[in-house]
Amino acid sequence: MARILVGRAKPRAAAQTLPNQETEVAKVAYELFQRRGGQHGHDQEDWLEAERIVRQRRGNGSGR
């Protein structure tokens, strides 16, 4: 599942400068979670796979 920051508010300027890539990775990781039927316990797996997918989509990463 996507990483969630709880209880740690970021300053407004920092929140606006979060990389779009991280947001995209979070969305893809959530999609992977949903495709598995919402089965928990694969959050790191989903996150790493989502990073690979996003790098591949953007054409700037060497997928494993």
N, C-alpha and C. Protein backbone atom coordinates (compact mmCIF):
# COMPACT_ATOMS: atom_id res chain seq x y z
N MET A 1 0.85 -1.17 0.00
CA MET A 1 0.00 0.00 0.00
C MET A 1 0.89 1.23 0.00
N ALA A 2 0.35 2.32 -0.36
CA ALA A 2 1.09 3.56 -0.44
C ALA A 2 1.55 4.02 0.94
N ARG A 3 2.65 4.72 0.95
CA ARG A 3 3.16 5.26 2.21
C ARG A 3 2.30 6.44 2.63
N ILE A 4 1.95 6.50 3.89
CA ILE A 4 1.10 7.57 4.39
C ILE A 4 1.79 8.24 5.57
N LEU A 5 1.89 9.56 5.53
CA LEU A 5 2.48 10.31 6.63
C LEU A 5 1.36 10.69 7.58
N VAL A 6 1.47 10.26 8.81
CA VAL A 6 0.44 10.55 9.80
C VAL A 6 1.04 11.41 10.89
N GLY A 7 0.37 12.48 11.21
CA GLY A 7 0.81 13.33 12.31
C GLY A 7 2.04 14.18 12.01
N ARG A 8 2.42 14.25 10.75
CA ARG A 8 3.58 15.06 10.39
C ARG A 8 3.19 15.99 9.26
N ALA A 9 2.66 17.13 9.62
CA ALA A 9 2.25 18.09 8.61
C ALA A 9 3.49 18.76 8.02
N LYS A 10 3.49 18.90 6.71
CA LYS A 10 4.59 19.58 6.04
C LYS A 10 4.21 21.04 5.83
N PRO A 11 5.19 21.91 5.82
CA PRO A 11 4.88 23.31 5.51
C PRO A 11 4.23 23.40 4.14
N ARG A 12 3.38 24.36 3.96
CA ARG A 12 2.62 24.49 2.71
C ARG A 12 3.52 24.48 1.48
N ALA A 13 4.60 25.22 1.49
CA ALA A 13 5.49 25.28 0.34
C ALA A 13 6.07 23.91 0.03
N ALA A 14 6.45 23.17 1.04
CA ALA A 14 7.02 21.84 0.83
C ALA A 14 5.97 20.90 0.26
N ALA A 15 4.74 21.00 0.72
CA ALA A 15 3.68 20.14 0.24
C ALA A 15 3.42 20.39 -1.24
N GLN A 16 3.57 21.62 -1.68
CA GLN A 16 3.34 21.95 -3.08
C GLN A 16 4.48 21.48 -3.97
N THR A 17 5.64 21.21 -3.40
CA THR A 17 6.79 20.83 -4.21
C THR A 17 7.06 19.32 -4.17
N LEU A 18 6.14 18.53 -3.55
CA LEU A 18 6.33 17.09 -3.57
C LEU A 18 6.41 16.62 -5.01
N PRO A 19 7.33 15.73 -5.30
CA PRO A 19 7.49 15.30 -6.69
C PRO A 19 6.24 14.60 -7.22
N ASN A 20 5.86 14.94 -8.42
CA ASN A 20 4.73 14.29 -9.05
C ASN A 20 4.97 12.80 -9.19
N GLN A 21 6.24 12.42 -9.32
CA GLN A 21 6.58 11.01 -9.48
C GLN A 21 6.15 10.21 -8.24
N GLU A 22 6.36 10.74 -7.06
CA GLU A 22 5.96 10.03 -5.85
C GLU A 22 4.44 9.88 -5.78
N THR A 23 3.73 10.89 -6.20
CA THR A 23 2.27 10.82 -6.23
C THR A 23 1.83 9.75 -7.22
N GLU A 24 2.48 9.71 -8.36
CA GLU A 24 2.15 8.70 -9.38
C GLU A 24 2.46 7.29 -8.86
N VAL A 25 3.57 7.13 -8.17
CA VAL A 25 3.93 5.83 -7.60
C VAL A 25 2.87 5.39 -6.60
N ALA A 26 2.42 6.31 -5.76
CA ALA A 26 1.40 5.98 -4.77
C ALA A 26 0.11 5.52 -5.45
N LYS A 27 -0.27 6.18 -6.52
CA LYS A 27 -1.49 5.80 -7.24
C LYS A 27 -1.35 4.42 -7.86
N VAL A 28 -0.21 4.15 -8.46
CA VAL A 28 0.01 2.84 -9.09
C VAL A 28 0.05 1.75 -8.03
N ALA A 29 0.71 2.02 -6.91
CA ALA A 29 0.77 1.03 -5.82
C ALA A 29 -0.63 0.72 -5.32
N TYR A 30 -1.47 1.71 -5.22
CA TYR A 30 -2.85 1.49 -4.78
C TYR A 30 -3.63 0.66 -5.82
N GLU A 31 -3.38 0.93 -7.09
CA GLU A 31 -4.02 0.13 -8.15
C GLU A 31 -3.61 -1.33 -8.04
N LEU A 32 -2.33 -1.59 -7.76
CA LEU A 32 -1.85 -2.97 -7.59
C LEU A 32 -2.56 -3.62 -6.40
N PHE A 33 -2.71 -2.88 -5.33
CA PHE A 33 -3.41 -3.37 -4.14
C PHE A 33 -4.86 -3.73 -4.49
N GLN A 34 -5.51 -2.86 -5.24
CA GLN A 34 -6.90 -3.11 -5.62
C GLN A 34 -7.03 -4.33 -6.53
N ARG A 35 -6.11 -4.48 -7.47
CA ARG A 35 -6.15 -5.62 -8.39
C ARG A 35 -6.03 -6.95 -7.64
N ARG A 36 -5.37 -6.93 -6.50
CA ARG A 36 -5.21 -8.13 -5.69
C ARG A 36 -6.45 -8.35 -4.82
N GLY A 37 -7.44 -7.51 -4.98
CA GLY A 37 -8.66 -7.65 -4.22
C GLY A 37 -8.56 -7.04 -2.83
N GLY A 38 -7.64 -6.12 -2.65
CA GLY A 38 -7.49 -5.44 -1.36
C GLY A 38 -6.79 -6.28 -0.31
N GLN A 39 -6.08 -7.30 -0.75
CA GLN A 39 -5.35 -8.17 0.18
C GLN A 39 -4.16 -7.41 0.77
N HIS A 40 -4.12 -7.34 2.09
CA HIS A 40 -3.04 -6.63 2.78
C HIS A 40 -1.79 -7.50 2.91
N GLY A 41 -0.68 -6.86 3.23
CA GLY A 41 0.56 -7.57 3.48
C GLY A 41 1.56 -7.53 2.34
N HIS A 42 1.24 -6.77 1.30
CA HIS A 42 2.14 -6.68 0.15
C HIS A 42 2.52 -5.23 -0.16
N ASP A 43 2.48 -4.38 0.85
CA ASP A 43 2.69 -2.95 0.61
C ASP A 43 4.07 -2.64 0.04
N GLN A 44 5.11 -3.23 0.58
CA GLN A 44 6.46 -2.94 0.06
C GLN A 44 6.61 -3.47 -1.35
N GLU A 45 6.11 -4.66 -1.57
CA GLU A 45 6.13 -5.27 -2.90
C GLU A 45 5.42 -4.36 -3.91
N ASP A 46 4.24 -3.89 -3.54
CA ASP A 46 3.46 -3.02 -4.42
C ASP A 46 4.19 -1.71 -4.68
N TRP A 47 4.78 -1.14 -3.65
CA TRP A 47 5.48 0.14 -3.80
C TRP A 47 6.66 0.00 -4.75
N LEU A 48 7.46 -1.05 -4.56
CA LEU A 48 8.63 -1.25 -5.42
C LEU A 48 8.22 -1.53 -6.86
N GLU A 49 7.18 -2.32 -7.04
CA GLU A 49 6.68 -2.59 -8.39
C GLU A 49 6.14 -1.32 -9.01
N ALA A 50 5.45 -0.52 -8.24
CA ALA A 50 4.91 0.75 -8.74
C ALA A 50 6.04 1.69 -9.16
N GLU A 51 7.12 1.74 -8.38
CA GLU A 51 8.27 2.58 -8.75
C GLU A 51 8.84 2.12 -10.09
N ARG A 52 8.94 0.79 -10.26
CA ARG A 52 9.47 0.25 -11.51
C ARG A 52 8.56 0.63 -12.68
N ILE A 53 7.27 0.49 -12.49
CA ILE A 53 6.30 0.81 -13.54
C ILE A 53 6.38 2.29 -13.91
N VAL A 54 6.44 3.15 -12.92
CA VAL A 54 6.49 4.60 -13.19
C VAL A 54 7.78 4.97 -13.90
N ARG A 55 8.90 4.40 -13.46
CA ARG A 55 10.18 4.67 -14.16
C ARG A 55 10.09 4.24 -15.61
N GLN A 56 9.50 3.07 -15.83
CA GLN A 56 9.36 2.55 -17.18
C GLN A 56 8.46 3.45 -18.02
N ARG A 57 7.35 3.89 -17.46
CA ARG A 57 6.43 4.79 -18.17
C ARG A 57 7.12 6.09 -18.57
N ARG A 58 7.95 6.58 -17.66
CA ARG A 58 8.62 7.86 -17.90
C ARG A 58 9.87 7.70 -18.75
N GLY A 59 10.26 6.44 -18.99
CA GLY A 59 11.40 6.18 -19.85
C GLY A 59 12.74 6.57 -19.26
N ASN A 60 12.81 6.67 -17.93
CA ASN A 60 14.07 7.09 -17.31
C ASN A 60 14.56 6.11 -16.27
N GLY A 61 14.27 4.86 -16.46
CA GLY A 61 14.74 3.89 -15.48
C GLY A 61 15.00 2.57 -16.14
N SER A 62 15.94 1.86 -15.58
CA SER A 62 16.20 0.53 -16.09
C SER A 62 15.43 -0.44 -15.23
N GLY A 63 14.26 -0.86 -15.71
CA GLY A 63 13.48 -1.84 -14.96
C GLY A 63 14.31 -3.07 -14.71
N ARG A 64 14.01 -3.76 -13.63
CA ARG A 64 14.83 -4.92 -13.26
C ARG A 64 14.83 -5.95 -14.29
